[in-house]
PDB file of N, CA and C in Angstrom:
ATOM      1  N   MET A   1     -45.290-139.823   1.292  1.00  0.00           N
ATOM      2  CA  MET A   1     -45.123-138.398   1.385  1.00  0.00           C
ATOM      3  C   MET A   1     -44.262-137.932   0.238  1.00  0.00           C
ATOM      4  N   ALA A   2     -44.727-137.010  -0.536  1.00  0.00           N
ATOM      5  CA  ALA A   2     -43.973-136.474  -1.657  1.00  0.00           C
ATOM      6  C   ALA A   2     -43.224-135.226  -1.217  1.00  0.00           C
ATOM      7  N   LEU A   3     -41.958-135.144  -1.604  1.00  0.00           N
ATOM      8  CA  LEU A   3     -41.158-133.978  -1.284  1.00  0.00           C
ATOM      9  C   LEU A   3     -40.957-133.138  -2.528  1.00  0.00           C
ATOM     10  N   ASP A   4     -41.143-131.845  -2.388  1.00  0.00           N
ATOM     11  CA  ASP A   4     -40.910-130.918  -3.481  1.00  0.00           C
ATOM     12  C   ASP A   4     -39.468-130.446  -3.378  1.00  0.00           C
ATOM     13  N   PRO A   5     -38.571-130.801  -4.312  1.00  0.00           N
ATOM     14  CA  PRO A   5     -37.165-130.437  -4.192  1.00  0.00           C
ATOM     15  C   PRO A   5     -36.928-128.931  -4.222  1.00  0.00           C
ATOM     16  N   GLN A   6     -37.868-128.171  -4.769  1.00  0.00           N
ATOM     17  CA  GLN A   6     -37.703-126.729  -4.833  1.00  0.00           C
ATOM     18  C   GLN A   6     -37.862-126.105  -3.442  1.00  0.00           C
ATOM     19  N   PHE A   7     -38.774-126.613  -2.635  1.00  0.00           N
ATOM     20  CA  PHE A   7     -39.009-126.120  -1.280  1.00  0.00           C
ATOM     21  C   PHE A   7     -38.983-127.291  -0.312  1.00  0.00           C
ATOM     22  N   PRO A   8     -37.778-127.813   0.028  1.00  0.00           N
ATOM     23  CA  PRO A   8     -37.717-129.018   0.847  1.00  0.00           C
ATOM     24  C   PRO A   8     -38.214-128.858   2.270  1.00  0.00           C
ATOM     25  N   SER A   9     -38.201-127.643   2.829  1.00  0.00           N
ATOM     26  CA  SER A   9     -38.613-127.508   4.219  1.00  0.00           C
ATOM     27  C   SER A   9     -40.037-126.987   4.366  1.00  0.00           C
ATOM     28  N   ALA A  10     -40.704-126.667   3.258  1.00  0.00           N
ATOM     29  CA  ALA A  10     -42.068-126.145   3.340  1.00  0.00           C
ATOM     30  C   ALA A  10     -43.066-127.288   3.476  1.00  0.00           C
ATOM     31  N   PRO A  11     -43.959-127.213   4.470  1.00  0.00           N
ATOM     32  CA  PRO A  11     -44.950-128.284   4.625  1.00  0.00           C
ATOM     33  C   PRO A  11     -45.993-128.211   3.520  1.00  0.00           C
ATOM     34  N   SER A  12     -46.464-129.354   3.117  1.00  0.00           N
ATOM     35  CA  SER A  12     -47.512-129.375   2.100  1.00  0.00           C
ATOM     36  C   SER A  12     -48.846-129.022   2.765  1.00  0.00           C
ATOM     37  N   PRO A  13     -49.724-128.321   2.047  1.00  0.00           N
ATOM     38  CA  PRO A  13     -51.004-127.950   2.651  1.00  0.00           C
ATOM     39  C   PRO A  13     -51.785-129.200   3.061  1.00  0.00           C
ATOM     40  N   GLY A  14     -52.186-129.250   4.313  1.00  0.00           N
ATOM     41  CA  GLY A  14     -52.935-130.389   4.809  1.00  0.00           C
ATOM     42  C   GLY A  14     -52.084-131.617   5.037  1.00  0.00           C
ATOM     43  N   GLY A  15     -50.762-131.508   4.868  1.00  0.00           N
ATOM     44  CA  GLY A  15     -49.877-132.652   5.012  1.00  0.00           C
ATOM     45  C   GLY A  15     -49.183-132.681   6.357  1.00  0.00           C
ATOM     46  N   VAL A  16     -48.121-133.454   6.409  1.00  0.00           N
ATOM     47  CA  VAL A  16     -47.365-133.650   7.632  1.00  0.00           C
ATOM     48  C   VAL A  16     -45.951-133.138   7.422  1.00  0.00           C
ATOM     49  N   THR A  17     -45.420-132.443   8.409  1.00  0.00           N
ATOM     50  CA  THR A  17     -44.030-132.007   8.391  1.00  0.00           C
ATOM     51  C   THR A  17     -43.185-133.135   8.969  1.00  0.00           C
ATOM     52  N   PHE A  18     -42.086-133.461   8.296  1.00  0.00           N
ATOM     53  CA  PHE A  18     -41.218-134.516   8.798  1.00  0.00           C
ATOM     54  C   PHE A  18     -39.769-134.170   8.496  1.00  0.00           C
ATOM     55  N   PHE A  19     -38.850-134.961   9.036  1.00  0.00           N
ATOM     56  CA  PHE A  19     -37.428-134.748   8.844  1.00  0.00           C
ATOM     57  C   PHE A  19     -36.992-135.303   7.491  1.00  0.00           C
ATOM     58  N   GLU A  20     -35.986-134.662   6.890  1.00  0.00           N
ATOM     59  CA  GLU A  20     -35.361-135.193   5.682  1.00  0.00           C
ATOM     60  C   GLU A  20     -34.350-136.257   6.093  1.00  0.00           C
ATOM     61  N   ARG A  21     -33.906-137.028   5.124  1.00  0.00           N
ATOM     62  CA  ARG A  21     -32.982-138.130   5.402  1.00  0.00           C
ATOM     63  C   ARG A  21     -31.697-137.649   6.074  1.00  0.00           C
ATOM     64  N   ARG A  22     -31.098-136.574   5.584  1.00  0.00           N
ATOM     65  CA  ARG A  22     -29.838-136.086   6.166  1.00  0.00           C
ATOM     66  C   ARG A  22     -30.050-135.549   7.582  1.00  0.00           C
ATOM     67  N   GLU A  23     -31.215-134.985   7.851  1.00  0.00           N
ATOM     68  CA  GLU A  23     -31.521-134.496   9.193  1.00  0.00           C
ATOM     69  C   GLU A  23     -31.675-135.664  10.164  1.00  0.00           C
ATOM     70  N   LEU A  24     -32.368-136.699   9.734  1.00  0.00           N
ATOM     71  CA  LEU A  24     -32.508-137.901  10.574  1.00  0.00           C
ATOM     72  C   LEU A  24     -31.158-138.554  10.821  1.00  0.00           C
ATOM     73  N   ASP A  25     -30.302-138.571   9.806  1.00  0.00           N
ATOM     74  CA  ASP A  25     -28.968-139.145   9.956  1.00  0.00           C
ATOM     75  C   ASP A  25     -28.181-138.383  11.021  1.00  0.00           C
ATOM     76  N   THR A  26     -28.235-137.070  10.983  1.00  0.00           N
ATOM     77  CA  THR A  26     -27.545-136.242  11.975  1.00  0.00           C
ATOM     78  C   THR A  26     -28.093-136.496  13.376  1.00  0.00           C
ATOM     79  N   LEU A  27     -29.403-136.529  13.500  1.00  0.00           N
ATOM     80  CA  LEU A  27     -30.025-136.784  14.802  1.00  0.00           C
ATOM     81  C   LEU A  27     -29.674-138.170  15.333  1.00  0.00           C
ATOM     82  N   MET A  28     -29.685-139.179  14.470  1.00  0.00           N
ATOM     83  CA  MET A  28     -29.398-140.542  14.913  1.00  0.00           C
ATOM     84  C   MET A  28     -27.926-140.721  15.281  1.00  0.00           C
ATOM     85  N   ARG A  29     -27.019-140.011  14.607  1.00  0.00           N
ATOM     86  CA  ARG A  29     -25.603-140.077  14.990  1.00  0.00           C
ATOM     87  C   ARG A  29     -25.403-139.487  16.383  1.00  0.00           C
ATOM     88  N   LEU A  30     -26.033-138.341  16.660  1.00  0.00           N
ATOM     89  CA  LEU A  30     -25.954-137.755  17.990  1.00  0.00           C
ATOM     90  C   LEU A  30     -26.567-138.695  19.023  1.00  0.00           C
ATOM     91  N   TYR A  31     -27.721-139.253  18.714  1.00  0.00           N
ATOM     92  CA  TYR A  31     -28.393-140.175  19.623  1.00  0.00           C
ATOM     93  C   TYR A  31     -27.493-141.378  19.928  1.00  0.00           C
ATOM     94  N   GLY A  32     -26.861-141.940  18.914  1.00  0.00           N
ATOM     95  CA  GLY A  32     -25.968-143.086  19.105  1.00  0.00           C
ATOM     96  C   GLY A  32     -24.796-142.765  20.025  1.00  0.00           C
ATOM     97  N   ARG A  33     -24.211-141.583  19.850  1.00  0.00           N
ATOM     98  CA  ARG A  33     -23.095-141.171  20.718  1.00  0.00           C
ATOM     99  C   ARG A  33     -23.555-141.027  22.167  1.00  0.00           C
ATOM    100  N   MET A  34     -24.724-140.442  22.367  1.00  0.00           N
ATOM    101  CA  MET A  34     -25.213-140.217  23.730  1.00  0.00           C
ATOM    102  C   MET A  34     -25.667-141.527  24.396  1.00  0.00           C
ATOM    103  N   VAL A  35     -26.172-142.473  23.626  1.00  0.00           N
ATOM    104  CA  VAL A  35     -26.521-143.795  24.173  1.00  0.00           C
ATOM    105  C   VAL A  35     -25.244-144.517  24.584  1.00  0.00           C
ATOM    106  N   ALA A  36     -24.210-144.433  23.752  1.00  0.00           N
ATOM    107  CA  ALA A  36     -22.936-145.075  24.075  1.00  0.00           C
ATOM    108  C   ALA A  36     -22.322-144.477  25.338  1.00  0.00           C
ATOM    109  N   ALA A  37     -22.562-143.195  25.572  1.00  0.00           N
ATOM    110  CA  ALA A  37     -22.051-142.533  26.776  1.00  0.00           C
ATOM    111  C   ALA A  37     -22.933-142.804  27.995  1.00  0.00           C
ATOM    112  N   GLY A  38     -24.080-143.465  27.795  1.00  0.00           N
ATOM    113  CA  GLY A  38     -24.978-143.791  28.889  1.00  0.00           C
ATOM    114  C   GLY A  38     -25.902-142.652  29.295  1.00  0.00           C
ATOM    115  N   GLU A  39     -25.990-141.611  28.500  1.00  0.00           N
ATOM    116  CA  GLU A  39     -26.811-140.440  28.836  1.00  0.00           C
ATOM    117  C   GLU A  39     -28.284-140.641  28.468  1.00  0.00           C
ATOM    118  N   TRP A  40     -28.538-141.214  27.307  1.00  0.00           N
ATOM    119  CA  TRP A  40     -29.897-141.350  26.791  1.00  0.00           C
ATOM    120  C   TRP A  40     -30.231-142.825  26.624  1.00  0.00           C
ATOM    121  N   ARG A  41     -31.536-143.146  26.657  1.00  0.00           N
ATOM    122  CA  ARG A  41     -31.963-144.538  26.563  1.00  0.00           C
ATOM    123  C   ARG A  41     -32.963-144.799  25.444  1.00  0.00           C
ATOM    124  N   ASP A  42     -33.784-143.816  25.094  1.00  0.00           N
ATOM    125  CA  ASP A  42     -34.856-144.053  24.129  1.00  0.00           C
ATOM    126  C   ASP A  42     -35.158-142.764  23.375  1.00  0.00           C
ATOM    127  N   TYR A  43     -35.850-142.903  22.251  1.00  0.00           N
ATOM    128  CA  TYR A  43     -36.248-141.732  21.480  1.00  0.00           C
ATOM    129  C   TYR A  43     -37.611-141.959  20.864  1.00  0.00           C
ATOM    130  N   GLY A  44     -38.211-140.879  20.417  1.00  0.00           N
ATOM    131  CA  GLY A  44     -39.491-140.944  19.721  1.00  0.00           C
ATOM    132  C   GLY A  44     -39.508-139.899  18.628  1.00  0.00           C
ATOM    133  N   ILE A  45     -40.189-140.201  17.527  1.00  0.00           N
ATOM    134  CA  ILE A  45     -40.286-139.278  16.401  1.00  0.00           C
ATOM    135  C   ILE A  45     -41.754-139.047  16.094  1.00  0.00           C
ATOM    136  N   ALA A  46     -42.111-137.786  15.891  1.00  0.00           N
ATOM    137  CA  ALA A  46     -43.491-137.446  15.549  1.00  0.00           C
ATOM    138  C   ALA A  46     -43.493-136.460  14.394  1.00  0.00           C
ATOM    139  N   GLY A  47     -44.350-136.698  13.438  1.00  0.00           N
ATOM    140  CA  GLY A  47     -44.573-135.777  12.334  1.00  0.00           C
ATOM    141  C   GLY A  47     -45.954-135.177  12.483  1.00  0.00           C
ATOM    142  N   LEU A  48     -46.029-133.898  12.743  1.00  0.00           N
ATOM    143  CA  LEU A  48     -47.296-133.213  12.956  1.00  0.00           C
ATOM    144  C   LEU A  48     -47.570-132.272  11.792  1.00  0.00           C
ATOM    145  N   SER A  49     -48.708-131.622  11.812  1.00  0.00           N
ATOM    146  CA  SER A  49     -49.055-130.737  10.702  1.00  0.00           C
ATOM    147  C   SER A  49     -48.171-129.494  10.651  1.00  0.00           C
ATOM    148  N   ASP A  50     -47.706-129.001  11.806  1.00  0.00           N
ATOM    149  CA  ASP A  50     -46.907-127.773  11.811  1.00  0.00           C
ATOM    150  C   ASP A  50     -45.442-127.983  12.176  1.00  0.00           C
ATOM    151  N   CYS A  51     -45.089-129.162  12.711  1.00  0.00           N
ATOM    152  CA  CYS A  51     -43.704-129.397  13.105  1.00  0.00           C
ATOM    153  C   CYS A  51     -43.375-130.890  13.116  1.00  0.00           C
ATOM    154  N   ALA A  52     -42.075-131.156  13.124  1.00  0.00           N
ATOM    155  CA  ALA A  52     -41.566-132.510  13.309  1.00  0.00           C
ATOM    156  C   ALA A  52     -40.794-132.505  14.624  1.00  0.00           C
ATOM    157  N   VAL A  53     -40.957-133.558  15.431  1.00  0.00           N
ATOM    158  CA  VAL A  53     -40.367-133.587  16.772  1.00  0.00           C
ATOM    159  C   VAL A  53     -39.563-134.867  16.950  1.00  0.00           C
ATOM    160  N   PHE A  54     -38.313-134.718  17.426  1.00  0.00           N
ATOM    161  CA  PHE A  54     -37.469-135.838  17.819  1.00  0.00           C
ATOM    162  C   PHE A  54     -37.323-135.730  19.331  1.00  0.00           C
ATOM    163  N   SER A  55     -37.976-136.616  20.073  1.00  0.00           N
ATOM    164  CA  SER A  55     -37.964-136.579  21.537  1.00  0.00           C
ATOM    165  C   SER A  55     -36.914-137.535  22.076  1.00  0.00           C
ATOM    166  N   ILE A  56     -36.203-137.101  23.111  1.00  0.00           N
ATOM    167  CA  ILE A  56     -35.115-137.868  23.702  1.00  0.00           C
ATOM    168  C   ILE A  56     -35.487-138.184  25.147  1.00  0.00           C
ATOM    169  N   PHE A  57     -35.387-139.475  25.510  1.00  0.00           N
ATOM    170  CA  PHE A  57     -35.796-139.928  26.832  1.00  0.00           C
ATOM    171  C   PHE A  57     -34.624-140.523  27.598  1.00  0.00           C
ATOM    172  N   ARG A  58     -34.623-140.326  28.884  1.00  0.00           N
ATOM    173  CA  ARG A  58     -33.683-141.014  29.766  1.00  0.00           C
ATOM    174  C   ARG A  58     -34.197-142.424  30.029  1.00  0.00           C
ATOM    175  N   HIS A  59     -35.521-142.545  30.265  1.00  0.00           N
ATOM    176  CA  HIS A  59     -36.207-143.823  30.418  1.00  0.00           C
ATOM    177  C   HIS A  59     -37.485-143.744  29.593  1.00  0.00           C
ATOM    178  N   ALA A  60     -37.910-144.838  29.037  1.00  0.00           N
ATOM    179  CA  ALA A  60     -39.058-144.838  28.129  1.00  0.00           C
ATOM    180  C   ALA A  60     -40.362-144.405  28.802  1.00  0.00           C
ATOM    181  N   ALA A  61     -40.487-144.610  30.095  1.00  0.00           N
ATOM    182  CA  ALA A  61     -41.742-144.313  30.776  1.00  0.00           C
ATOM    183  C   ALA A  61     -41.837-142.866  31.256  1.00  0.00           C
ATOM    184  N   GLU A  62     -40.821-142.065  31.023  1.00  0.00           N
ATOM    185  CA  GLU A  62     -40.795-140.694  31.505  1.00  0.00           C
ATOM    186  C   GLU A  62     -41.180-139.706  30.414  1.00  0.00           C
ATOM    187  N   ALA A  63     -41.297-138.453  30.807  1.00  0.00           N
ATOM    188  CA  ALA A  63     -41.440-137.362  29.842  1.00  0.00           C
ATOM    189  C   ALA A  63     -40.076-137.168  29.165  1.00  0.00           C
ATOM    190  N   PRO A  64     -40.048-136.645  27.963  1.00  0.00           N
ATOM    191  CA  PRO A  64     -38.755-136.491  27.281  1.00  0.00           C
ATOM    192  C   PRO A  64     -37.839-135.490  27.987  1.00  0.00           C
ATOM    193  N   LEU A  65     -36.536-135.810  27.993  1.00  0.00           N
ATOM    194  CA  LEU A  65     -35.542-134.875  28.515  1.00  0.00           C
ATOM    195  C   LEU A  65     -35.448-133.657  27.604  1.00  0.00           C
ATOM    196  N   TYR A  66     -35.393-133.931  26.303  1.00  0.00           N
ATOM    197  CA  TYR A  66     -35.238-132.880  25.301  1.00  0.00           C
ATOM    198  C   TYR A  66     -36.126-133.193  24.111  1.00  0.00           C
ATOM    199  N   ARG A  67     -36.509-132.149  23.416  1.00  0.00           N
ATOM    200  CA  ARG A  67     -37.205-132.280  22.141  1.00  0.00           C
ATOM    201  C   ARG A  67     -36.465-131.430  21.125  1.00  0.00           C
ATOM    202  N   VAL A  68     -36.120-132.019  19.996  1.00  0.00           N
ATOM    203  CA  VAL A  68     -35.544-131.266  18.885  1.00  0.00           C
ATOM    204  C   VAL A  68     -36.688-131.072  17.908  1.00  0.00           C
ATOM    205  N   GLU A  69     -37.067-129.815  17.680  1.00  0.00           N
ATOM    206  CA  GLU A  69     -38.223-129.509  16.842  1.00  0.00           C
ATOM    207  C   GLU A  69     -37.814-128.797  15.571  1.00  0.00           C
ATOM    208  N   LYS A  70     -38.479-129.174  14.503  1.00  0.00           N
ATOM    209  CA  LYS A  70     -38.313-128.513  13.208  1.00  0.00           C
ATOM    210  C   LYS A  70     -39.654-127.856  12.885  1.00  0.00           C
ATOM    211  N   ARG A  71     -39.656-126.525  12.852  1.00  0.00           N
ATOM    212  CA  ARG A  71     -40.868-125.757  12.540  1.00  0.00           C
ATOM    213  C   ARG A  71     -40.585-124.900  11.313  1.00  0.00           C
ATOM    214  N   PRO A  72     -40.933-125.390  10.121  1.00  0.00           N
ATOM    215  CA  PRO A  72     -40.653-124.653   8.892  1.00  0.00           C
ATOM    216  C   PRO A  72     -41.279-123.261   8.845  1.00  0.00           C
ATOM    217  N   ALA A  73     -42.370-123.036   9.547  1.00  0.00           N
ATOM    218  CA  ALA A  73     -43.011-121.715   9.536  1.00  0.00           C
ATOM    219  C   ALA A  73     -42.110-120.638  10.145  1.00  0.00           C
ATOM    220  N   LEU A  74     -41.168-121.024  11.006  1.00  0.00           N
ATOM    221  CA  LEU A  74     -40.267-120.067  11.648  1.00  0.00           C
ATOM    222  C   LEU A  74     -38.917-119.956  10.946  1.00  0.00           C
ATOM    223  N   ALA A  75     -38.754-120.597   9.797  1.00  0.00           N
ATOM    224  CA  ALA A  75     -37.463-120.657   9.120  1.00  0.00           C
ATOM    225  C   ALA A  75     -36.907-119.280   8.783  1.00  0.00           C
ATOM    226  N   ARG A  76     -37.731-118.355   8.396  1.00  0.00           N
ATOM    227  CA  ARG A  76     -37.252-117.024   8.016  1.00  0.00           C
ATOM    228  C   ARG A  76     -37.221-116.048   9.179  1.00  0.00           C
ATOM    229  N   LYS A  77     -37.740-116.449  10.317  1.00  0.00           N
ATOM    230  CA  LYS A  77     -37.775-115.565  11.483  1.00  0.00           C
ATOM    231  C   LYS A  77     -36.701-115.976  12.480  1.00  0.00           C
ATOM    232  N   GLN A  78     -37.056-116.814  13.429  1.00  0.00           N
ATOM    233  CA  GLN A  78     -36.156-117.217  14.502  1.00  0.00           C
ATOM    234  C   GLN A  78     -35.286-118.408  14.130  1.00  0.00           C
ATOM    235  N   GLY A  79     -35.648-119.114  13.108  1.00  0.00           N
ATOM    236  CA  GLY A  79     -34.964-120.341  12.734  1.00  0.00           C
ATOM    237  C   GLY A  79     -35.893-121.524  12.922  1.00  0.00           C
ATOM    238  N   ALA A  80     -35.821-122.457  12.010  1.00  0.00           N
ATOM    239  CA  ALA A  80     -36.736-123.591  12.015  1.00  0.00           C
ATOM    240  C   ALA A  80     -36.421-124.601  13.117  1.00  0.00           C
ATOM    241  N   TRP A  81     -35.213-124.573  13.672  1.00  0.00           N
ATOM    242  CA  TRP A  81     -34.771-125.608  14.615  1.00  0.00           C
ATOM    243  C   TRP A  81     -34.742-125.089  16.043  1.00  0.00           C
ATOM    244  N   ALA A  82     -35.133-125.933  16.987  1.00  0.00           N
ATOM    245  CA  ALA A  82     -35.083-125.577  18.403  1.00  0.00           C
ATOM    246  C   ALA A  82     -34.864-126.825  19.242  1.00  0.00           C
ATOM    247  N   VAL A  83     -34.090-126.670  20.312  1.00  0.00           N
ATOM    248  CA  VAL A  83     -33.944-127.712  21.333  1.00  0.00           C
ATOM    249  C   VAL A  83     -34.705-127.209  22.544  1.00  0.00           C
ATOM    250  N   ILE A  84     -35.653-128.012  23.005  1.00  0.00           N
ATOM    251  CA  ILE A  84     -36.525-127.632  24.108  1.00  0.00           C
ATOM    252  C   ILE A  84     -36.292-128.583  25.269  1.00  0.00           C
ATOM    253  N   GLY A  85     -36.107-128.034  26.461  1.00  0.00           N
ATOM    254  CA  GLY A  85     -35.845-128.823  27.663  1.00  0.00           C
ATOM    255  C   GLY A  85     -37.112-129.393  28.270  1.00  0.00           C
ATOM    256  N   GLN A  86     -36.948-130.073  29.382  1.00  0.00           N
ATOM    257  CA  GLN A  86     -38.058-130.750  30.046  1.00  0.00           C
ATOM    258  C   GLN A  86     -39.168-129.803  30.472  1.00  0.00           C
ATOM    259  N   GLY A  87     -38.851-128.644  30.943  1.00  0.00           N
ATOM    260  CA  GLY A  87     -39.848-127.703  31.410  1.00  0.00           C
ATOM    261  C   GLY A  87     -40.491-126.884  30.304  1.00  0.00           C
ATOM    262  N   GLY A  88     -40.126-127.147  29.059  1.00  0.00           N
ATOM    263  CA  GLY A  88     -40.673-126.397  27.940  1.00  0.00           C
ATOM    264  C   GLY A  88     -39.848-125.182  27.565  1.00  0.00           C
ATOM    265  N   MET A  89     -38.720-124.976  28.245  1.00  0.00           N
ATOM    266  CA  MET A  89     -37.859-123.839  27.952  1.00  0.00           C
ATOM    267  C   MET A  89     -37.046-124.107  26.682  1.00  0.00           C
ATOM    268  N   ILE A  90     -36.972-123.118  25.818  1.00  0.00           N
ATOM    269  CA  ILE A  90     -36.167-123.240  24.606  1.00  0.00           C
ATOM    270  C   ILE A  90     -34.705-123.033  24.995  1.00  0.00           C
ATOM    271  N   LEU A  91     -33.896-124.082  24.828  1.00  0.00           N
ATOM    272  CA  LEU A  91     -32.490-124.034  25.209  1.00  0.00           C
ATOM    273  C   LEU A  91     -31.633-123.446  24.110  1.00  0.00           C
ATOM    274  N   LYS A  92     -31.979-123.715  22.860  1.00  0.00           N
ATOM    275  CA  LYS A  92     -31.230-123.180  21.723  1.00  0.00           C
ATOM    276  C   LYS A  92     -32.134-123.170  20.507  1.00  0.00           C
ATOM    277  N   ARG A  93     -32.014-122.125  19.695  1.00  0.00           N
ATOM    278  CA  ARG A  93     -32.802-121.989  18.478  1.00  0.00           C
ATOM    279  C   ARG A  93     -31.865-121.526  17.369  1.00  0.00           C
ATOM    280  N   GLY A  94     -32.130-121.972  16.136  1.00  0.00           N
ATOM    281  CA  GLY A  94     -31.285-121.554  15.034  1.00  0.00           C
ATOM    282  C   GLY A  94     -31.826-121.968  13.681  1.00  0.00           C
ATOM    283  N   HIS A  95     -31.095-121.555  12.658  1.00  0.00           N
ATOM    284  CA  HIS A  95     -31.491-121.827  11.281  1.00  0.00           C
ATOM    285  C   HIS A  95     -30.945-123.148  10.756  1.00  0.00           C
ATOM    286  N   GLU A  96     -29.871-123.670  11.386  1.00  0.00           N
ATOM    287  CA  GLU A  96     -29.242-124.918  10.942  1.00  0.00           C
ATOM    288  C   GLU A  96     -29.282-125.954  12.058  1.00  0.00           C
ATOM    289  N   LEU A  97     -29.534-127.201  11.688  1.00  0.00           N
ATOM    290  CA  LEU A  97     -29.610-128.286  12.674  1.00  0.00           C
ATOM    291  C   LEU A  97     -28.280-128.472  13.387  1.00  0.00           C
ATOM    292  N   ALA A  98     -27.172-128.465  12.658  1.00  0.00           N
ATOM    293  CA  ALA A  98     -25.853-128.674  13.269  1.00  0.00           C
ATOM    294  C   ALA A  98     -25.545-127.597  14.301  1.00  0.00           C
ATOM    295  N   GLN A  99     -25.927-126.379  14.018  1.00  0.00           N
ATOM    296  CA  GLN A  99     -25.707-125.268  14.943  1.00  0.00           C
ATOM    297  C   GLN A  99     -26.479-125.482  16.244  1.00  0.00           C
ATOM    298  N   VAL A 100     -27.711-125.936  16.150  1.00  0.00           N
ATOM    299  CA  VAL A 100     -28.553-126.151  17.321  1.00  0.00           C
ATOM    300  C   VAL A 100     -28.055-127.343  18.137  1.00  0.00           C
ATOM    301  N   LEU A 101     -27.573-128.383  17.469  1.00  0.00           N
ATOM    302  CA  LEU A 101     -27.119-129.585  18.175  1.00  0.00           C
ATOM    303  C   LEU A 101     -25.771-129.400  18.866  1.00  0.00           C
ATOM    304  N   LYS A 102     -25.100-128.278  18.637  1.00  0.00           N
ATOM    305  CA  LYS A 102     -23.850-127.993  19.340  1.00  0.00           C
ATOM    306  C   LYS A 102     -24.070-127.868  20.846  1.00  0.00           C
ATOM    307  N   LEU A 103     -25.317-127.700  21.244  1.00  0.00           N
ATOM    308  CA  LEU A 103     -25.666-127.670  22.659  1.00  0.00           C
ATOM    309  C   LEU A 103     -25.216-128.948  23.363  1.00  0.00           C
ATOM    310  N   PHE A 104     -25.197-130.063  22.646  1.00  0.00           N
ATOM    311  CA  PHE A 104     -24.878-131.362  23.236  1.00  0.00           C
ATOM    312  C   PHE A 104     -23.405-131.754  23.087  1.00  0.00           C
ATOM    313  N   GLU A 105     -22.547-130.833  22.662  1.00  0.00           N
ATOM    314  CA  GLU A 105     -21.136-131.164  22.477  1.00  0.00           C
ATOM    315  C   GLU A 105     -20.495-131.570  23.797  1.00  0.00           C
ATOM    316  N   LYS A 106     -19.549-132.482  23.709  1.00  0.00           N
ATOM    317  CA  LYS A 106     -18.863-132.984  24.896  1.00  0.00           C
ATOM    318  C   LYS A 106     -18.111-131.838  25.579  1.00  0.00           C
ATOM    319  N   GLY A 107     -18.212-131.788  26.870  1.00  0.00           N
ATOM    320  CA  GLY A 107     -17.530-130.765  27.645  1.00  0.00           C
ATOM    321  C   GLY A 107     -18.393-129.549  27.915  1.00  0.00           C
ATOM    322  N   LYS A 108     -19.339-129.258  27.030  1.00  0.00           N
ATOM    323  CA  LYS A 108     -20.208-128.106  27.219  1.00  0.00           C
ATOM    324  C   LYS A 108     -21.482-128.476  27.975  1.00  0.00           C
ATOM    325  N   PHE A 109     -21.759-129.774  28.027  1.00  0.00           N
ATOM    326  CA  PHE A 109     -23.072-130.193  28.474  1.00  0.00           C
ATOM    327  C   PHE A 109     -22.978-131.479  29.267  1.00  0.00           C
ATOM    328  N   SER A 110     -23.738-131.563  30.351  1.00  0.00           N
ATOM    329  CA  SER A 110     -23.834-132.821  31.080  1.00  0.00           C
ATOM    330  C   SER A 110     -25.209-132.925  31.722  1.00  0.00           C
ATOM    331  N   VAL A 111     -25.710-134.130  31.817  1.00  0.00           N
ATOM    332  CA  VAL A 111     -27.019-134.385  32.422  1.00  0.00           C
ATOM    333  C   VAL A 111     -26.833-134.539  33.921  1.00  0.00           C
ATOM    334  N   VAL A 112     -27.667-133.870  34.693  1.00  0.00           N
ATOM    335  CA  VAL A 112     -27.596-133.940  36.155  1.00  0.00           C
ATOM    336  C   VAL A 112     -28.849-134.618  36.661  1.00  0.00           C
ATOM    337  N   ASP A 113     -28.687-135.637  37.479  1.00  0.00           N
ATOM    338  CA  ASP A 113     -29.840-136.333  38.077  1.00  0.00           C
ATOM    339  C   ASP A 113     -30.319-135.617  39.310  1.00  0.00           C
TER     340      ASP A 113
END
């Protein structure tokens, strides 16, 4: 996959949208903290034509608890980043990944069984 440094978040025509290295690093650091806390167990990454998805699972055989989506087409409107819950509800949306991931900060958030 070739990245155009002038437009790093724009998908290539007919190509696949995926995460950049720094975005994956941020997501994996959060994932590592939540695994250490015993909250999360597994993850999945998908690169699609219109979005990139980082899915978070409590157990590998279940539907994802959360999906962190990057949709470059919405970058100038609502923001390219969104955290989506199990029922498909958008929990947080924004223009920056760090801003959206604040949803998972300690003390503000807990998983309920």
